[in-house]
Amino acid sequence: MYFQVIPLRERGAPRDKKELQQAKPVSGDLRIEHQPTREFGRPCRVAFISTGSPDDGPLGILFDAEVHSMAPNGFIVTGVELIDGVAYGQSWLCRER
């Protein structure tokens, strides 16, 4: 489904309110799938903005993704992102496009 997505963290640290208000959302087809991963050497649930391949998405891949909370105006997906081989906690705010 198509959503506007805003990452809520930067390298694991929460972004401040001003940054979030100014953040430009990434729009696209949000997918959450269970698939094998070479990064973890095991299957896991991943979230990504679909461009044909998870590796090419504008936000990268969110590993061990799960819907954390949901409200009438959107939901939060949490998981782990890998940046330069380091795992960081990440949350995405997802709203209807």
PDB file of N, CA and C in Angstrom:
ATOM      1  N   MET A   1       0.838  -1.182   0.000  1.00  0.00           N
ATOM      2  CA  MET A   1       0.000   0.000   0.000  1.00  0.00           C
ATOM      3  C   MET A   1       0.878   1.238   0.000  1.00  0.00           C
ATOM      4  N   TYR A   2       0.370   2.305  -0.581  1.00  0.00           N
ATOM      5  CA  TYR A   2       1.147   3.531  -0.695  1.00  0.00           C
ATOM      6  C   TYR A   2       0.982   4.404   0.552  1.00  0.00           C
ATOM      7  N   PHE A   3       2.129   4.819   1.104  1.00  0.00           N
ATOM      8  CA  PHE A   3       2.159   5.629   2.310  1.00  0.00           C
ATOM      9  C   PHE A   3       3.230   6.699   2.191  1.00  0.00           C
ATOM     10  N   GLN A   4       3.133   7.691   3.078  1.00  0.00           N
ATOM     11  CA  GLN A   4       4.203   8.651   3.295  1.00  0.00           C
ATOM     12  C   GLN A   4       4.909   8.200   4.562  1.00  0.00           C
ATOM     13  N   VAL A   5       6.220   8.051   4.484  1.00  0.00           N
ATOM     14  CA  VAL A   5       6.993   7.491   5.591  1.00  0.00           C
ATOM     15  C   VAL A   5       8.045   8.495   6.039  1.00  0.00           C
ATOM     16  N   ILE A   6       8.130   8.706   7.361  1.00  0.00           N
ATOM     17  CA  ILE A   6       9.139   9.577   7.952  1.00  0.00           C
ATOM     18  C   ILE A   6       9.932   8.768   8.973  1.00  0.00           C
ATOM     19  N   PRO A   7      11.263   8.624   8.782  1.00  0.00           N
ATOM     20  CA  PRO A   7      12.090   7.969   9.798  1.00  0.00           C
ATOM     21  C   PRO A   7      12.131   8.836  11.060  1.00  0.00           C
ATOM     22  N   LEU A   8      11.925   8.213  12.208  1.00  0.00           N
ATOM     23  CA  LEU A   8      11.872   8.949  13.470  1.00  0.00           C
ATOM     24  C   LEU A   8      13.214   8.995  14.201  1.00  0.00           C
ATOM     25  N   ARG A   9      14.214   8.262  13.682  1.00  0.00           N
ATOM     26  CA  ARG A   9      15.527   8.214  14.334  1.00  0.00           C
ATOM     27  C   ARG A   9      16.629   8.443  13.318  1.00  0.00           C
ATOM     28  N   GLU A  10      17.770   8.898  13.809  1.00  0.00           N
ATOM     29  CA  GLU A  10      18.971   9.082  12.997  1.00  0.00           C
ATOM     30  C   GLU A  10      20.101   8.334  13.691  1.00  0.00           C
ATOM     31  N   ARG A  11      20.550   7.232  13.072  1.00  0.00           N
ATOM     32  CA  ARG A  11      21.576   6.365  13.672  1.00  0.00           C
ATOM     33  C   ARG A  11      21.200   5.976  15.104  1.00  0.00           C
ATOM     34  N   GLY A  12      19.943   5.641  15.293  1.00  0.00           N
ATOM     35  CA  GLY A  12      19.452   5.152  16.578  1.00  0.00           C
ATOM     36  C   GLY A  12      18.979   6.227  17.538  1.00  0.00           C
ATOM     37  N   ALA A  13      19.360   7.479  17.316  1.00  0.00           N
ATOM     38  CA  ALA A  13      18.976   8.569  18.225  1.00  0.00           C
ATOM     39  C   ALA A  13      17.683   9.216  17.724  1.00  0.00           C
ATOM     40  N   PRO A  14      16.747   9.500  18.645  1.00  0.00           N
ATOM     41  CA  PRO A  14      15.494  10.144  18.222  1.00  0.00           C
ATOM     42  C   PRO A  14      15.751  11.515  17.596  1.00  0.00           C
ATOM     43  N   ARG A  15      15.044  11.792  16.506  1.00  0.00           N
ATOM     44  CA  ARG A  15      15.121  13.117  15.887  1.00  0.00           C
ATOM     45  C   ARG A  15      14.255  14.067  16.709  1.00  0.00           C
ATOM     46  N   ASP A  16      14.694  15.326  16.832  1.00  0.00           N
ATOM     47  CA  ASP A  16      13.908  16.260  17.635  1.00  0.00           C
ATOM     48  C   ASP A  16      12.652  16.695  16.880  1.00  0.00           C
ATOM     49  N   LYS A  17      11.743  17.300  17.623  1.00  0.00           N
ATOM     50  CA  LYS A  17      10.435  17.669  17.081  1.00  0.00           C
ATOM     51  C   LYS A  17      10.552  18.595  15.869  1.00  0.00           C
ATOM     52  N   LYS A  18      11.470  19.549  15.921  1.00  0.00           N
ATOM     53  CA  LYS A  18      11.642  20.491  14.813  1.00  0.00           C
ATOM     54  C   LYS A  18      12.094  19.761  13.547  1.00  0.00           C
ATOM     55  N   GLU A  19      13.044  18.826  13.702  1.00  0.00           N
ATOM     56  CA  GLU A  19      13.504  18.036  12.550  1.00  0.00           C
ATOM     57  C   GLU A  19      12.354  17.248  11.929  1.00  0.00           C
ATOM     58  N   LEU A  20      11.535  16.662  12.775  1.00  0.00           N
ATOM     59  CA  LEU A  20      10.423  15.852  12.287  1.00  0.00           C
ATOM     60  C   LEU A  20       9.383  16.700  11.561  1.00  0.00           C
ATOM     61  N   GLN A  21       9.131  17.907  12.059  1.00  0.00           N
ATOM     62  CA  GLN A  21       8.164  18.786  11.414  1.00  0.00           C
ATOM     63  C   GLN A  21       8.653  19.240  10.042  1.00  0.00           C
ATOM     64  N   GLN A  22       9.981  19.364   9.885  1.00  0.00           N
ATOM     65  CA  GLN A  22      10.557  19.822   8.621  1.00  0.00           C
ATOM     66  C   GLN A  22      10.903  18.671   7.674  1.00  0.00           C
ATOM     67  N   ALA A  23      10.827  17.446   8.179  1.00  0.00           N
ATOM     68  CA  ALA A  23      11.215  16.285   7.373  1.00  0.00           C
ATOM     69  C   ALA A  23      10.278  16.098   6.187  1.00  0.00           C
ATOM     70  N   LYS A  24      10.872  15.826   5.041  1.00  0.00           N
ATOM     71  CA  LYS A  24      10.081  15.540   3.846  1.00  0.00           C
ATOM     72  C   LYS A  24       9.814  14.031   3.825  1.00  0.00           C
ATOM     73  N   PRO A  25       8.538  13.633   3.818  1.00  0.00           N
ATOM     74  CA  PRO A  25       8.238  12.195   3.826  1.00  0.00           C
ATOM     75  C   PRO A  25       8.649  11.534   2.515  1.00  0.00           C
ATOM     76  N   VAL A  26       9.001  10.262   2.632  1.00  0.00           N
ATOM     77  CA  VAL A  26       9.272   9.438   1.460  1.00  0.00           C
ATOM     78  C   VAL A  26       7.964   8.746   1.110  1.00  0.00           C
ATOM     79  N   SER A  27       7.491   8.927  -0.102  1.00  0.00           N
ATOM     80  CA  SER A  27       6.239   8.311  -0.536  1.00  0.00           C
ATOM     81  C   SER A  27       6.539   7.076  -1.353  1.00  0.00           C
ATOM     82  N   GLY A  28       5.747   6.042  -1.124  1.00  0.00           N
ATOM     83  CA  GLY A  28       5.929   4.843  -1.928  1.00  0.00           C
ATOM     84  C   GLY A  28       5.111   3.677  -1.423  1.00  0.00           C
ATOM     85  N   ASP A  29       5.327   2.556  -2.070  1.00  0.00           N
ATOM     86  CA  ASP A  29       4.635   1.309  -1.772  1.00  0.00           C
ATOM     87  C   ASP A  29       5.353   0.628  -0.614  1.00  0.00           C
ATOM     88  N   LEU A  30       4.819   0.768   0.593  1.00  0.00           N
ATOM     89  CA  LEU A  30       5.424   0.167   1.779  1.00  0.00           C
ATOM     90  C   LEU A  30       5.104  -1.320   1.810  1.00  0.00           C
ATOM     91  N   ARG A  31       6.155  -2.134   1.921  1.00  0.00           N
ATOM     92  CA  ARG A  31       5.990  -3.584   2.000  1.00  0.00           C
ATOM     93  C   ARG A  31       6.546  -4.064   3.327  1.00  0.00           C
ATOM     94  N   ILE A  32       5.848  -5.026   3.920  1.00  0.00           N
ATOM     95  CA  ILE A  32       6.353  -5.742   5.096  1.00  0.00           C
ATOM     96  C   ILE A  32       6.224  -7.207   4.747  1.00  0.00           C
ATOM     97  N   GLU A  33       7.370  -7.899   4.668  1.00  0.00           N
ATOM     98  CA  GLU A  33       7.399  -9.283   4.217  1.00  0.00           C
ATOM     99  C   GLU A  33       8.331 -10.116   5.085  1.00  0.00           C
ATOM    100  N   HIS A  34       8.081 -11.407   5.114  1.00  0.00           N
ATOM    101  CA  HIS A  34       8.973 -12.356   5.762  1.00  0.00           C
ATOM    102  C   HIS A  34       9.831 -12.960   4.666  1.00  0.00           C
ATOM    103  N   GLN A  35      11.156 -12.809   4.770  1.00  0.00           N
ATOM    104  CA  GLN A  35      12.030 -13.325   3.729  1.00  0.00           C
ATOM    105  C   GLN A  35      13.412 -13.651   4.276  1.00  0.00           C
ATOM    106  N   PRO A  36      14.180 -14.502   3.565  1.00  0.00           N
ATOM    107  CA  PRO A  36      15.546 -14.795   3.998  1.00  0.00           C
ATOM    108  C   PRO A  36      16.407 -13.528   3.903  1.00  0.00           C
ATOM    109  N   THR A  37      17.347 -13.380   4.806  1.00  0.00           N
ATOM    110  CA  THR A  37      18.250 -12.223   4.775  1.00  0.00           C
ATOM    111  C   THR A  37      19.688 -12.698   4.868  1.00  0.00           C
ATOM    112  N   ARG A  38      20.534 -12.186   3.999  1.00  0.00           N
ATOM    113  CA  ARG A  38      21.953 -12.544   4.060  1.00  0.00           C
ATOM    114  C   ARG A  38      22.638 -11.785   5.205  1.00  0.00           C
ATOM    115  N   GLU A  39      22.106 -10.595   5.529  1.00  0.00           N
ATOM    116  CA  GLU A  39      22.711  -9.775   6.586  1.00  0.00           C
ATOM    117  C   GLU A  39      22.654 -10.461   7.949  1.00  0.00           C
ATOM    118  N   PHE A  40      21.551 -11.154   8.224  1.00  0.00           N
ATOM    119  CA  PHE A  40      21.391 -11.819   9.511  1.00  0.00           C
ATOM    120  C   PHE A  40      21.551 -13.331   9.405  1.00  0.00           C
ATOM    121  N   GLY A  41      21.615 -13.846   8.194  1.00  0.00           N
ATOM    122  CA  GLY A  41      21.784 -15.279   8.001  1.00  0.00           C
ATOM    123  C   GLY A  41      20.582 -16.092   8.435  1.00  0.00           C
ATOM    124  N   ARG A  42      19.421 -15.462   8.415  1.00  0.00           N
ATOM    125  CA  ARG A  42      18.191 -16.138   8.826  1.00  0.00           C
ATOM    126  C   ARG A  42      17.010 -15.404   8.212  1.00  0.00           C
ATOM    127  N   PRO A  43      15.870 -16.075   8.127  1.00  0.00           N
ATOM    128  CA  PRO A  43      14.675 -15.365   7.667  1.00  0.00           C
ATOM    129  C   PRO A  43      14.207 -14.369   8.730  1.00  0.00           C
ATOM    130  N   CYS A  44      13.702 -13.244   8.300  1.00  0.00           N
ATOM    131  CA  CYS A  44      13.103 -12.302   9.245  1.00  0.00           C
ATOM    132  C   CYS A  44      12.087 -11.441   8.504  1.00  0.00           C
ATOM    133  N   ARG A  45      11.299 -10.724   9.275  1.00  0.00           N
ATOM    134  CA  ARG A  45      10.304  -9.818   8.708  1.00  0.00           C
ATOM    135  C   ARG A  45      11.015  -8.512   8.377  1.00  0.00           C
ATOM    136  N   VAL A  46      10.879  -8.055   7.133  1.00  0.00           N
ATOM    137  CA  VAL A  46      11.532  -6.828   6.698  1.00  0.00           C
ATOM    138  C   VAL A  46      10.491  -5.835   6.192  1.00  0.00           C
ATOM    139  N   ALA A  47      10.781  -4.548   6.349  1.00  0.00           N
ATOM    140  CA  ALA A  47       9.943  -3.476   5.808  1.00  0.00           C
ATOM    141  C   ALA A  47      10.810  -2.652   4.870  1.00  0.00           C
ATOM    142  N   PHE A  48      10.216  -2.208   3.762  1.00  0.00           N
ATOM    143  CA  PHE A  48      10.945  -1.399   2.796  1.00  0.00           C
ATOM    144  C   PHE A  48       9.949  -0.716   1.872  1.00  0.00           C
ATOM    145  N   ILE A  49      10.423   0.336   1.216  1.00  0.00           N
ATOM    146  CA  ILE A  49       9.634   0.991   0.181  1.00  0.00           C
ATOM    147  C   ILE A  49       9.996   0.282  -1.124  1.00  0.00           C
ATOM    148  N   SER A  50       9.014  -0.302  -1.767  1.00  0.00           N
ATOM    149  CA  SER A  50       9.257  -1.135  -2.943  1.00  0.00           C
ATOM    150  C   SER A  50       9.628  -0.312  -4.169  1.00  0.00           C
ATOM    151  N   THR A  51      10.761  -0.697  -4.768  1.00  0.00           N
ATOM    152  CA  THR A  51      11.195  -0.137  -6.046  1.00  0.00           C
ATOM    153  C   THR A  51      11.545  -1.278  -6.985  1.00  0.00           C
ATOM    154  N   GLY A  52      11.154  -2.477  -6.637  1.00  0.00           N
ATOM    155  CA  GLY A  52      11.496  -3.664  -7.412  1.00  0.00           C
ATOM    156  C   GLY A  52      12.430  -4.572  -6.630  1.00  0.00           C
ATOM    157  N   SER A  53      13.309  -3.990  -5.800  1.00  0.00           N
ATOM    158  CA  SER A  53      14.235  -4.753  -4.973  1.00  0.00           C
ATOM    159  C   SER A  53      14.368  -4.054  -3.627  1.00  0.00           C
ATOM    160  N   PRO A  54      14.284  -4.802  -2.509  1.00  0.00           N
ATOM    161  CA  PRO A  54      14.397  -4.164  -1.193  1.00  0.00           C
ATOM    162  C   PRO A  54      15.685  -3.367  -1.011  1.00  0.00           C
ATOM    163  N   ASP A  55      16.783  -3.837  -1.630  1.00  0.00           N
ATOM    164  CA  ASP A  55      18.072  -3.166  -1.452  1.00  0.00           C
ATOM    165  C   ASP A  55      18.118  -1.777  -2.076  1.00  0.00           C
ATOM    166  N   ASP A  56      17.228  -1.490  -3.020  1.00  0.00           N
ATOM    167  CA  ASP A  56      17.251  -0.214  -3.732  1.00  0.00           C
ATOM    168  C   ASP A  56      16.307   0.826  -3.154  1.00  0.00           C
ATOM    169  N   GLY A  57      15.561   0.490  -2.117  1.00  0.00           N
ATOM    170  CA  GLY A  57      14.563   1.401  -1.584  1.00  0.00           C
ATOM    171  C   GLY A  57      15.176   2.662  -1.011  1.00  0.00           C
ATOM    172  N   PRO A  58      14.447   3.763  -1.042  1.00  0.00           N
ATOM    173  CA  PRO A  58      14.974   5.047  -0.570  1.00  0.00           C
ATOM    174  C   PRO A  58      15.272   5.088   0.929  1.00  0.00           C
ATOM    175  N   LEU A  59      14.667   4.208   1.702  1.00  0.00           N
ATOM    176  CA  LEU A  59      14.930   4.175   3.143  1.00  0.00           C
ATOM    177  C   LEU A  59      15.738   2.949   3.551  1.00  0.00           C
ATOM    178  N   GLY A  60      16.114   2.124   2.594  1.00  0.00           N
ATOM    179  CA  GLY A  60      16.809   0.886   2.932  1.00  0.00           C
ATOM    180  C   GLY A  60      15.836  -0.142   3.478  1.00  0.00           C
ATOM    181  N   ILE A  61      16.367  -1.059   4.256  1.00  0.00           N
ATOM    182  CA  ILE A  61      15.564  -2.153   4.805  1.00  0.00           C
ATOM    183  C   ILE A  61      15.476  -2.011   6.313  1.00  0.00           C
ATOM    184  N   LEU A  62      14.298  -2.236   6.852  1.00  0.00           N
ATOM    185  CA  LEU A  62      14.084  -2.291   8.291  1.00  0.00           C
ATOM    186  C   LEU A  62      13.924  -3.769   8.652  1.00  0.00           C
ATOM    187  N   PHE A  63      14.897  -4.328   9.357  1.00  0.00           N
ATOM    188  CA  PHE A  63      14.903  -5.749   9.708  1.00  0.00           C
ATOM    189  C   PHE A  63      14.136  -5.993  11.006  1.00  0.00           C
ATOM    190  N   ASP A  64      13.611  -7.211  11.154  1.00  0.00           N
ATOM    191  CA  ASP A  64      12.803  -7.583  12.326  1.00  0.00           C
ATOM    192  C   ASP A  64      11.692  -6.561  12.555  1.00  0.00           C
ATOM    193  N   ALA A  65      11.085  -6.130  11.457  1.00  0.00           N
ATOM    194  CA  ALA A  65      10.062  -5.082  11.487  1.00  0.00           C
ATOM    195  C   ALA A  65       8.768  -5.586  12.112  1.00  0.00           C
ATOM    196  N   GLU A  66       8.129  -4.705  12.846  1.00  0.00           N
ATOM    197  CA  GLU A  66       6.798  -5.002  13.384  1.00  0.00           C
ATOM    198  C   GLU A  66       6.017  -3.709  13.552  1.00  0.00           C
ATOM    199  N   VAL A  67       4.722  -3.826  13.429  1.00  0.00           N
ATOM    200  CA  VAL A  67       3.863  -2.671  13.670  1.00  0.00           C
ATOM    201  C   VAL A  67       3.825  -2.453  15.169  1.00  0.00           C
ATOM    202  N   HIS A  68       4.312  -1.302  15.592  1.00  0.00           N
ATOM    203  CA  HIS A  68       4.414  -0.992  17.017  1.00  0.00           C
ATOM    204  C   HIS A  68       3.114  -0.419  17.572  1.00  0.00           C
ATOM    205  N   SER A  69       2.551   0.537  16.849  1.00  0.00           N
ATOM    206  CA  SER A  69       1.309   1.155  17.295  1.00  0.00           C
ATOM    207  C   SER A  69       0.543   1.672  16.083  1.00  0.00           C
ATOM    208  N   MET A  70      -0.761   1.839  16.269  1.00  0.00           N
ATOM    209  CA  MET A  70      -1.605   2.275  15.157  1.00  0.00           C
ATOM    210  C   MET A  70      -2.691   3.191  15.701  1.00  0.00           C
ATOM    211  N   ALA A  71      -3.012   4.211  14.909  1.00  0.00           N
ATOM    212  CA  ALA A  71      -4.071   5.160  15.250  1.00  0.00           C
ATOM    213  C   ALA A  71      -4.815   5.498  13.963  1.00  0.00           C
ATOM    214  N   PRO A  72      -5.911   6.243  14.056  1.00  0.00           N
ATOM    215  CA  PRO A  72      -6.669   6.567  12.839  1.00  0.00           C
ATOM    216  C   PRO A  72      -5.870   7.326  11.779  1.00  0.00           C
ATOM    217  N   ASN A  73      -4.848   8.085  12.188  1.00  0.00           N
ATOM    218  CA  ASN A  73      -4.109   8.899  11.210  1.00  0.00           C
ATOM    219  C   ASN A  73      -2.765   8.297  10.794  1.00  0.00           C
ATOM    220  N   GLY A  74      -2.428   7.088  11.238  1.00  0.00           N
ATOM    221  CA  GLY A  74      -1.177   6.463  10.837  1.00  0.00           C
ATOM    222  C   GLY A  74      -0.741   5.368  11.791  1.00  0.00           C
ATOM    223  N   PHE A  75       0.466   4.859  11.535  1.00  0.00           N
ATOM    224  CA  PHE A  75       1.010   3.807  12.391  1.00  0.00           C
ATOM    225  C   PHE A  75       2.532   3.898  12.414  1.00  0.00           C
ATOM    226  N   ILE A  76       3.136   3.221  13.386  1.00  0.00           N
ATOM    227  CA  ILE A  76       4.581   3.202  13.562  1.00  0.00           C
ATOM    228  C   ILE A  76       5.076   1.779  13.311  1.00  0.00           C
ATOM    229  N   VAL A  77       6.090   1.664  12.454  1.00  0.00           N
ATOM    230  CA  VAL A  77       6.777   0.387  12.237  1.00  0.00           C
ATOM    231  C   VAL A  77       8.161   0.525  12.866  1.00  0.00           C
ATOM    232  N   THR A  78       8.545  -0.439  13.704  1.00  0.00           N
ATOM    233  CA  THR A  78       9.863  -0.407  14.342  1.00  0.00           C
ATOM    234  C   THR A  78      10.696  -1.585  13.867  1.00  0.00           C
ATOM    235  N   GLY A  79      11.999  -1.455  14.003  1.00  0.00           N
ATOM    236  CA  GLY A  79      12.905  -2.526  13.631  1.00  0.00           C
ATOM    237  C   GLY A  79      14.345  -2.072  13.754  1.00  0.00           C
ATOM    238  N   VAL A  80      15.198  -2.734  12.994  1.00  0.00           N
ATOM    239  CA  VAL A  80      16.636  -2.468  13.023  1.00  0.00           C
ATOM    240  C   VAL A  80      17.090  -2.135  11.606  1.00  0.00           C
ATOM    241  N   GLU A  81      17.872  -1.055  11.472  1.00  0.00           N
ATOM    242  CA  GLU A  81      18.469  -0.728  10.181  1.00  0.00           C
ATOM    243  C   GLU A  81      19.975  -0.914  10.289  1.00  0.00           C
ATOM    244  N   LEU A  82      20.593  -1.281   9.180  1.00  0.00           N
ATOM    245  CA  LEU A  82      22.046  -1.436   9.130  1.00  0.00           C
ATOM    246  C   LEU A  82      22.646  -0.276   8.348  1.00  0.00           C
ATOM    247  N   ILE A  83      23.594   0.433   8.980  1.00  0.00           N
ATOM    248  CA  ILE A  83      24.307   1.530   8.332  1.00  0.00           C
ATOM    249  C   ILE A  83      25.789   1.259   8.511  1.00  0.00           C
ATOM    250  N   ASP A  84      26.495   1.057   7.401  1.00  0.00           N
ATOM    251  CA  ASP A  84      27.932   0.759   7.430  1.00  0.00           C
ATOM    252  C   ASP A  84      28.254  -0.403   8.364  1.00  0.00           C
ATOM    253  N   GLY A  85      27.403  -1.422   8.351  1.00  0.00           N
ATOM    254  CA  GLY A  85      27.640  -2.622   9.146  1.00  0.00           C
ATOM    255  C   GLY A  85      27.252  -2.514  10.615  1.00  0.00           C
ATOM    256  N   VAL A  86      26.693  -1.391  11.025  1.00  0.00           N
ATOM    257  CA  VAL A  86      26.274  -1.187  12.419  1.00  0.00           C
ATOM    258  C   VAL A  86      24.751  -1.212  12.475  1.00  0.00           C
ATOM    259  N   ALA A  87      24.204  -1.941  13.449  1.00  0.00           N
ATOM    260  CA  ALA A  87      22.748  -2.040  13.610  1.00  0.00           C
ATOM    261  C   ALA A  87      22.247  -0.941  14.537  1.00  0.00           C
ATOM    262  N   TYR A  88      21.222  -0.230  14.076  1.00  0.00           N
ATOM    263  CA  TYR A  88      20.605   0.841  14.861  1.00  0.00           C
ATOM    264  C   TYR A  88      19.101   0.608  14.938  1.00  0.00           C
ATOM    265  N   GLY A  89      18.501   0.944  16.074  1.00  0.00           N
ATOM    266  CA  GLY A  89      17.054   0.919  16.176  1.00  0.00           C
ATOM    267  C   GLY A  89      16.463   2.021  15.315  1.00  0.00           C
ATOM    268  N   GLN A  90      15.331   1.728  14.673  1.00  0.00           N
ATOM    269  CA  GLN A  90      14.682   2.720  13.814  1.00  0.00           C
ATOM    270  C   GLN A  90      13.173   2.552  13.912  1.00  0.00           C
ATOM    271  N   SER A  91      12.463   3.640  13.790  1.00  0.00           N
ATOM    272  CA  SER A  91      11.002   3.639  13.731  1.00  0.00           C
ATOM    273  C   SER A  91      10.578   4.507  12.563  1.00  0.00           C
ATOM    274  N   TRP A  92       9.563   4.064  11.865  1.00  0.00           N
ATOM    275  CA  TRP A  92       9.015   4.828  10.752  1.00  0.00           C
ATOM    276  C   TRP A  92       7.581   5.218  11.062  1.00  0.00           C
ATOM    277  N   LEU A  93       7.281   6.504  10.896  1.00  0.00           N
ATOM    278  CA  LEU A  93       5.912   6.985  10.990  1.00  0.00           C
ATOM    279  C   LEU A  93       5.306   6.863   9.600  1.00  0.00           C
ATOM    280  N   CYS A  94       4.222   6.115   9.483  1.00  0.00           N
ATOM    281  CA  CYS A  94       3.605   5.840   8.185  1.00  0.00           C
ATOM    282  C   CYS A  94       2.191   6.414   8.180  1.00  0.00           C
ATOM    283  N   ARG A  95       1.929   7.239   7.158  1.00  0.00           N
ATOM    284  CA  ARG A  95       0.609   7.849   6.999  1.00  0.00           C
ATOM    285  C   ARG A  95       0.109   7.625   5.593  1.00  0.00           C
ATOM    286  N   GLU A  96      -1.220   7.682   5.451  1.00  0.00           N
ATOM    287  CA  GLU A  96      -1.799   7.552   4.118  1.00  0.00           C
ATOM    288  C   GLU A  96      -1.295   8.640   3.211  1.00  0.00           C
ATOM    289  N   ARG A  97      -1.115   8.285   1.977  1.00  0.00           N
ATOM    290  CA  ARG A  97      -0.590   9.222   0.985  1.00  0.00           C
ATOM    291  C   ARG A  97      -1.640  10.147   0.476  1.00  0.00           C
TER     292      ARG A  97
END
